[in-house]
Protein backbone atom coordinates (compact mmCIF):
# COMPACT_ATOMS: atom_id res chain seq x y z
CA MET A 1 0.00 0.00 0.00
CA ARG A 2 2.81 2.37 0.92
CA GLU A 3 4.51 1.74 -2.45
CA ARG A 4 1.26 2.61 -4.23
CA PHE A 5 1.04 5.91 -2.37
CA LYS A 6 4.65 6.71 -3.31
CA LEU A 7 3.92 5.93 -6.96
CA LEU A 8 0.75 8.06 -6.87
CA PHE A 9 2.70 10.93 -5.32
CA VAL A 10 5.37 10.74 -8.03
CA ILE A 11 2.70 10.71 -10.76
CA ILE A 12 0.88 13.72 -9.28
CA LEU A 13 4.16 15.62 -8.84
CA GLY A 14 5.10 14.88 -12.45
CA LEU A 15 1.74 16.09 -13.69
CA LEU A 16 2.13 19.31 -11.69
CA ILE A 17 5.58 19.94 -13.16
CA ILE A 18 4.30 19.30 -16.69
CA SER A 19 1.34 21.60 -16.04
CA CYS A 20 3.62 24.38 -14.77
CA ASN A 21 5.94 24.02 -17.75
CA LYS A 22 3.02 24.56 -20.12
CA LYS A 23 2.22 27.92 -18.56
CA PRO A 24 3.99 31.01 -19.95
CA ASN A 25 7.33 31.52 -18.28
CA LEU A 26 6.81 35.25 -17.75
CA MET A 27 4.13 35.72 -15.09
CA VAL A 28 2.97 39.24 -16.00
CA GLU A 29 0.82 40.77 -18.71
CA VAL A 30 2.75 40.95 -21.99
CA ARG A 31 1.67 43.27 -24.80
CA GLU A 32 2.93 42.56 -28.31
CA ILE A 33 4.10 45.67 -30.17
CA ASP A 34 6.04 46.35 -33.38
CA PHE A 35 9.08 48.61 -33.29
CA LEU A 36 11.49 46.65 -35.49
CA ASN A 37 12.99 48.37 -38.57
CA LYS A 38 10.78 51.46 -38.34
CA SER A 39 13.55 54.08 -38.55
CA GLU A 40 13.11 56.29 -41.62
CA SER A 41 15.46 59.15 -40.84
CA MET A 42 18.98 59.52 -39.47
CA ILE A 43 20.07 61.98 -36.80
CA GLU A 44 23.61 63.27 -37.02
CA GLY A 45 25.72 63.91 -33.97
CA ARG A 46 27.59 67.14 -33.29
CA LEU A 47 30.89 66.85 -31.44
CA VAL A 48 30.79 68.72 -28.13
CA TYR A 49 33.97 67.51 -26.42
CA SER A 50 36.69 65.22 -27.70
CA GLY A 51 38.48 62.73 -25.49
CA ILE A 52 36.95 63.15 -22.03
CA LEU A 53 39.57 61.12 -20.18
CA GLY A 54 38.13 58.01 -18.52
CA ALA A 55 34.50 58.91 -19.34
CA GLU A 56 32.09 56.16 -18.28
CA ARG A 57 28.52 57.23 -17.40
CA ILE A 58 26.50 60.26 -18.42
CA VAL A 59 23.60 61.68 -16.37
CA VAL A 60 21.59 64.62 -17.71
CA PHE A 61 19.23 66.44 -15.35
CA ASP A 62 17.92 69.97 -14.89
CA THR A 63 20.50 72.08 -16.79
CA LEU A 64 23.44 69.80 -16.05
CA ILE A 65 25.42 67.11 -17.86
CA MET A 66 27.24 64.96 -15.30
CA ILE A 67 29.85 62.45 -16.45
CA THR A 68 31.56 59.92 -14.21
CA ARG A 69 35.19 59.12 -15.01
CA ASN A 70 37.74 56.49 -14.09
CA THR A 71 40.49 58.91 -13.08
CA PRO A 72 42.32 59.57 -9.78
CA TYR A 73 40.99 63.13 -9.66
CA CYS A 74 37.64 64.69 -10.61
CA GLN A 75 35.82 61.38 -10.99
CA LEU A 76 32.72 63.45 -11.74
CA VAL A 77 32.76 66.36 -14.19
CA VAL A 78 29.80 68.69 -14.67
CA TYR A 79 28.83 70.74 -17.73
CA SER A 80 26.05 73.25 -18.31
CA THR A 81 23.43 72.36 -20.92
CA ASN A 82 22.89 76.08 -21.50
CA THR A 83 26.47 76.89 -22.51
CA LEU A 84 28.09 73.42 -22.74
CA ASP A 85 30.93 74.83 -20.62
CA SER A 86 32.64 72.74 -17.96
CA ILE A 87 31.50 74.16 -14.60
CA GLY A 88 32.91 71.76 -12.01
CA GLY A 89 34.89 68.67 -11.12
CA PHE A 90 34.25 66.59 -8.01
CA CYS A 91 34.70 63.22 -6.27
CA THR A 92 38.46 63.10 -5.80
CA ARG A 93 39.86 59.63 -5.13
CA GLY A 94 40.35 58.90 -1.43
CA ARG A 95 38.79 57.54 1.75
CA ALA A 96 37.35 60.71 3.31
CA LYS A 97 33.58 61.19 3.58
CA ASN A 98 33.49 63.41 0.50
CA GLU A 99 35.96 61.29 -1.48
CA PHE A 100 35.47 58.12 -3.51
CA LEU A 101 37.71 55.11 -4.01
CA ARG A 102 35.93 54.52 -7.33
CA VAL A 103 32.79 56.20 -8.67
CA TYR A 104 29.97 54.33 -10.41
CA ALA A 105 26.50 55.41 -11.52
CA PRO A 106 24.89 52.11 -12.59
CA THR A 107 21.25 53.28 -12.52
CA VAL A 108 21.80 57.00 -13.39
CA GLN A 109 19.12 57.93 -10.85
CA VAL A 110 19.11 61.65 -9.97
CA TYR A 111 16.55 63.82 -8.20
CA TYR A 112 15.75 67.02 -6.35
CA LYS A 113 16.08 67.20 -2.58
CA ASN A 114 15.22 70.47 -0.86
CA GLY A 115 15.49 72.19 -4.21
CA HIS A 116 19.01 70.87 -4.88
CA VAL A 117 20.10 68.45 -7.58
CA VAL A 118 21.25 65.27 -5.83
CA LEU A 119 23.11 62.42 -7.53
CA PRO A 120 23.54 59.12 -5.64
CA LEU A 121 26.81 57.46 -6.63
CA VAL A 122 28.23 54.07 -5.74
CA ASP A 123 31.60 54.30 -4.03
CA TYR A 124 33.72 51.33 -5.09
CA MET A 125 31.20 48.48 -4.76
CA SER A 126 28.79 48.51 -1.84
CA VAL A 127 28.43 52.06 -0.52
CA ILE A 128 26.14 54.71 -1.97
CA LYS A 129 26.84 58.39 -1.33
CA GLU A 130 24.34 61.14 -2.08
CA VAL A 131 26.26 63.99 -3.72
CA ASP A 132 24.59 67.41 -3.52
CA ILE A 133 25.55 68.72 -6.95
CA THR A 134 24.00 72.15 -6.43
CA GLU A 135 25.92 72.77 -3.20
CA SER A 136 29.10 71.23 -4.63
CA LEU A 137 28.99 73.73 -7.50
CA ARG A 138 28.40 76.60 -5.10
CA LEU A 139 31.25 75.69 -2.76
CA SER A 140 33.61 74.27 -5.41
CA HIS A 141 34.16 71.02 -3.52
CA THR A 142 32.28 67.74 -3.16
CA VAL A 143 29.35 67.84 -0.72
CA VAL A 144 28.04 64.45 0.42
CA LEU A 145 24.67 64.46 2.19
CA ASN A 146 24.25 60.82 3.24
CA THR A 147 26.08 57.51 3.03
CA VAL A 148 24.38 54.09 3.06
CA ASP A 149 25.41 50.50 2.45
CA CYS A 150 23.98 48.56 -0.46
CA ILE A 151 24.29 45.17 -2.14
CA PRO A 152 27.43 45.28 -4.32
CA PHE A 153 26.34 46.72 -7.65
CA VAL A 154 27.93 43.83 -9.54
CA ASP A 155 25.24 41.70 -7.89
CA ALA A 156 22.30 44.13 -7.80
CA TYR A 157 20.91 47.44 -9.03
CA THR A 158 19.37 49.63 -6.32
CA ILE A 159 16.69 52.23 -7.07
CA PHE A 160 15.46 54.56 -4.32
CA ILE A 161 11.68 54.80 -4.04
CA ASP A 162 10.37 58.33 -3.37
CA ASN A 163 14.05 59.37 -3.46
CA ASP A 164 14.32 57.93 0.05
CA LEU A 165 17.51 55.99 0.81
CA ASP A 166 15.60 53.64 3.13
CA LYS A 167 13.00 52.65 0.52
CA ARG A 168 14.52 50.49 -2.18
CA PHE A 169 13.61 48.60 -5.31
CA ILE A 170 16.36 46.04 -5.80
CA HIS A 171 17.08 44.04 -8.93
CA GLU A 172 19.36 41.21 -7.82
CA ARG A 173 21.45 39.50 -10.46
CA ASN A 174 23.63 36.39 -10.48
CA ILE A 175 22.17 35.29 -7.16
CA PHE A 176 23.73 31.84 -7.43
CA ILE A 177 27.28 33.10 -7.82
CA GLY A 178 27.39 36.30 -5.76
CA LYS A 179 26.91 37.23 -2.14
CA ASN A 180 23.16 36.97 -2.52
CA TYR A 181 22.91 33.22 -2.97
CA VAL A 182 19.49 32.01 -1.81
CA GLU A 183 18.12 28.67 -2.92
CA ASN A 184 14.78 28.76 -4.73
CA VAL A 185 12.64 26.34 -6.67
CA THR A 186 12.98 27.75 -10.18
CA LYS A 187 16.76 28.34 -10.04
CA VAL A 188 16.23 31.64 -11.87
CA MET A 189 19.21 33.84 -11.10
CA VAL A 190 17.40 37.18 -10.85
CA ARG A 191 15.13 38.53 -8.14
CA TYR A 192 13.13 41.76 -7.74
CA THR A 193 12.24 43.04 -4.29
CA ILE A 194 10.73 46.11 -2.65
CA ASN A 195 12.31 46.95 0.69
CA LYS A 196 10.77 49.51 3.05
CA PRO A 197 11.41 50.11 6.79
CA GLY A 198 8.92 48.41 9.07
CA THR A 199 7.45 46.20 6.35
CA LYS A 200 8.20 42.71 5.12
CA THR A 201 10.32 42.54 1.97
CA LYS A 202 8.03 42.09 -1.03
CA GLU A 203 9.24 39.97 -3.91
CA ILE A 204 7.88 40.58 -7.40
CA LYS A 205 7.92 37.17 -9.04
CA LEU A 206 8.34 37.20 -12.80
CA TYR A 207 9.59 33.82 -14.04
CA ARG A 208 8.35 30.27 -13.55
CA ARG A 209 11.52 28.57 -14.73
CA LEU A 210 14.83 28.89 -16.49
CA VAL A 211 14.95 29.40 -20.24
CA ASP A 212 16.14 26.45 -22.31
CA VAL A 213 19.52 27.39 -23.81
CA SER A 214 21.70 25.85 -26.50
CA LYS A 215 24.85 26.39 -24.41
CA GLU A 216 25.06 26.05 -20.65
CA SER A 217 27.32 29.11 -20.53
CA GLN A 218 24.39 31.21 -21.80
CA VAL A 219 21.93 30.31 -19.07
CA GLN A 220 22.00 33.85 -17.65
CA MET A 221 21.72 35.71 -20.96
CA PRO A 222 17.91 35.68 -21.38
CA PHE A 223 17.57 37.43 -18.00
CA GLY A 224 20.20 40.11 -18.61
CA ALA A 225 18.68 43.57 -18.28
CA TYR A 226 19.31 47.02 -16.86
CA THR A 227 17.19 49.43 -14.87
CA ILE A 228 16.13 53.07 -15.22
CA LYS A 229 13.58 55.07 -13.23
CA HIS A 230 11.13 57.75 -14.35
CA PRO A 231 12.47 61.19 -13.30
CA GLN A 232 9.57 61.83 -10.90
CA LYS A 233 7.34 58.77 -10.57
CA ASN A 234 8.09 55.43 -8.94
CA LEU A 235 7.97 53.84 -12.38
CA ILE A 236 10.90 51.69 -13.45
CA ALA A 237 11.75 50.40 -16.92
CA HIS A 238 13.76 47.22 -17.38
CA PRO A 239 14.98 46.79 -21.00
CA HIS A 240 16.68 43.49 -21.83
CA TYR A 241 20.14 43.26 -23.34
CA TYR A 242 19.58 40.03 -25.27
CA MET A 243 15.82 39.89 -25.85
CA ASP A 244 13.21 42.22 -27.35
CA TYR A 245 11.47 42.79 -24.01
CA ILE A 246 10.96 45.86 -21.84
CA LEU A 247 9.50 45.25 -18.40
CA PHE A 248 7.81 48.03 -16.42
CA PHE A 249 7.41 48.14 -12.65
CA ASP A 250 4.74 50.68 -11.66
CA LEU A 251 5.34 50.72 -7.92
CA ASP A 252 2.77 53.43 -7.16
CA ASN A 253 -0.01 51.35 -8.69
CA ASP A 254 1.39 47.92 -7.78
CA LYS A 255 1.44 46.84 -11.40
CA THR A 256 4.07 45.01 -13.45
CA PHE A 257 3.79 44.50 -17.22
CA ALA A 258 5.93 43.93 -20.28
CA VAL A 259 6.05 44.85 -23.95
CA HIS A 260 7.60 42.55 -26.54
CA GLN A 261 8.49 42.80 -30.21
CA GLN A 262 5.96 40.63 -32.00
CA GLY A 263 7.44 37.55 -33.63
CA SER A 264 10.76 37.71 -31.78
CA ARG A 265 12.14 35.17 -29.32
CA THR A 266 10.20 34.80 -26.05
CA PHE A 267 11.00 33.39 -22.63
CA ASP A 268 9.23 30.20 -23.71
CA ASP A 269 11.55 29.64 -26.69
CA ARG A 270 14.94 27.99 -26.75
CA TYR A 271 17.74 30.54 -26.58
CA GLU A 272 20.09 29.79 -29.45
CA ASP A 273 23.66 31.05 -29.63
CA PRO A 274 23.43 34.54 -31.25
CA GLY A 275 27.12 34.72 -32.15
CA ASN A 276 28.15 38.38 -32.45
CA ASP A 277 24.55 39.52 -32.87
CA TYR A 278 23.70 39.36 -29.18
CA TYR A 279 22.86 42.98 -28.26
CA HIS A 280 19.28 44.21 -28.42
CA PHE A 281 18.74 47.16 -26.04
CA TYR A 282 21.97 48.48 -24.56
CA GLY A 283 21.75 52.20 -23.73
CA LYS A 284 19.20 54.21 -21.76
CA ALA A 285 17.99 57.74 -21.02
CA ASN A 286 14.78 59.13 -19.57
CA SER A 287 12.50 62.15 -19.57
CA SER A 288 9.10 62.88 -18.05
CA ASP A 289 7.40 61.70 -21.24
CA TYR A 290 9.81 59.31 -22.91
CA LEU A 291 12.14 56.37 -22.49
CA PHE A 292 15.11 56.49 -24.88
CA LEU A 293 16.92 53.26 -25.69
CA LEU A 294 19.79 52.41 -28.00
CA TYR A 295 19.04 49.31 -30.04
CA GLU A 296 21.35 47.14 -32.11
CA HIS A 297 19.30 44.24 -33.42
CA GLY A 298 17.56 45.75 -36.44
CA ASP A 299 18.57 45.59 -40.08
CA TYR A 300 20.35 48.93 -39.89
CA SER A 301 22.79 47.76 -37.23
CA LEU A 302 23.13 44.14 -38.31
CA SER A 303 24.08 45.18 -41.84
CA GLU A 304 27.54 45.90 -40.38
CA PRO A 305 29.22 42.54 -39.60
CA ASP A 306 31.90 44.09 -37.38
CA LEU A 307 30.43 44.53 -33.90
CA LYS A 308 32.83 47.38 -33.11
CA LYS A 309 31.66 49.37 -36.14
CA ARG A 310 27.91 48.99 -35.65
CA CYS A 311 25.80 52.11 -35.39
CA PRO A 312 22.64 51.79 -33.27
CA GLU A 313 19.09 52.98 -33.63
CA LEU A 314 17.50 55.25 -31.05
CA MET A 315 14.18 53.78 -29.92
CA VAL A 316 11.67 56.07 -28.20
CA PHE A 317 8.85 54.70 -26.03
CA ASP A 318 6.44 56.32 -23.62
CA TRP A 319 6.16 55.10 -20.03
CA ASP A 320 3.12 52.97 -20.87
CA GLY A 321 5.33 50.92 -23.18
CA ASN A 322 3.97 52.37 -26.42
CA PHE A 323 6.46 52.68 -29.28
CA ILE A 324 6.66 56.32 -30.38
CA LYS A 325 9.42 56.61 -32.97
CA SER A 326 12.91 55.47 -33.89
CA PHE A 327 15.91 57.01 -35.60
CA LYS A 328 19.17 55.81 -37.08
CA ILE A 329 22.26 57.11 -35.27
CA ASP A 330 25.09 58.12 -37.58
CA ARG A 331 27.96 56.79 -35.49
CA VAL A 332 29.08 54.07 -33.08
CA MET A 333 27.93 54.80 -29.52
CA SER A 334 28.73 53.39 -26.12
CA SER A 335 25.85 52.54 -23.79
CA ASN A 336 25.92 56.00 -22.19
CA ILE A 337 23.26 58.52 -23.22
CA GLY A 338 21.24 61.21 -21.46
CA TYR A 339 18.40 63.53 -22.52
CA ASP A 340 18.05 67.26 -21.91
CA GLU A 341 14.30 67.95 -21.67
CA LYS A 342 14.71 71.74 -21.77
CA HIS A 343 16.64 71.91 -25.04
CA LYS A 344 15.39 68.62 -26.56
CA LYS A 345 18.93 67.33 -27.00
CA LEU A 346 20.24 63.81 -26.56
CA TYR A 347 23.84 63.49 -25.38
CA GLY A 348 25.95 60.40 -25.77
CA LEU A 349 29.47 59.09 -25.32
CA THR A 350 31.38 57.17 -27.96
CA PRO A 351 33.83 54.32 -27.29
CA THR A 352 36.62 56.87 -27.87
CA GLU A 353 35.30 59.00 -24.95
CA ASP A 354 33.93 61.77 -27.18
CA LEU A 355 30.74 63.61 -26.17
CA TYR A 356 28.19 64.12 -28.96
CA GLU A 357 24.93 66.05 -29.11
CA PHE A 358 21.88 64.96 -31.12
CA ASP A 359 19.14 67.52 -31.72
CA LEU A 360 15.66 65.98 -31.33
CA SER A 361 13.71 69.25 -31.34
CA GLY A 362 10.69 68.96 -33.61
CA LEU A 363 11.17 65.22 -34.09
CA LEU A 364 8.96 63.92 -31.25
CA PRO A 365 5.25 64.50 -30.52
């Protein structure tokens, strides 16, 4: 009798697994859209600065262009969008409160606090310092407001909800190989949580299982994505590097949804080796109305076989996930772009550390 019960249990468990595997992997509403190969015009870049030594990330906000650099001095340089003049250099390398061992801006989040422009920057790996840019410019030295610990950014992206350092949306990556190892049933190596003081951590579950891959070394690739927040709202976009998906986390309305290029690979398909054609979305910028993404998986980009010579398209979406328009970019770009809402200009860095300006005035609704 006991053996029969064991056999029945195994059969039921197998049926449950089969049933789960038939359900869509992505557990949120997915809307099919069409943005592929829609670019009709090309926008040409204008050189602003050549060879910004060590340039890595660009953040554009208010009337400021802020660029992080891998240099021992002035790891953050600031330019005016009104004049394009350099107006300050901050974040000297060191261990003092207002110094940084190594500056990173992985999420390019920036906001107002008490009327000042504040830029949270990661110091080395696992410390975030709020830099008061307005006060730093006034006093001509780096002013740090607050310092908090965080999960090392190589393992997780941290977004501050309501611009409050204690309220965090965390996108954990590589959770089976980093400090954040926690066993789970699906073995999916990404996790999304909302962390607020006095409340239980809330996990936003997205995936039922791993994606079938042609090479074991590519098991993480379908889940590779980056994170960018709306300038004012608690609305977060999550474009994927290696898939035609953009996920949206609307934290104010407790809603998560996705948009997907119709006919392209899904999380239910086998992930085949893409060779050198692996990038889809790879650069990001935001405004109150639009989400700007660099894209390298359309005909325009793929017509160049040399990955290092590929020019991207600029894809423009609204924050509801609707495709607005796309443009061909006339040159190779790194993943670092930022948008100036006041002057309708997109700024971007090239692999050779040059800063270019792209005029979008009159091109968007």
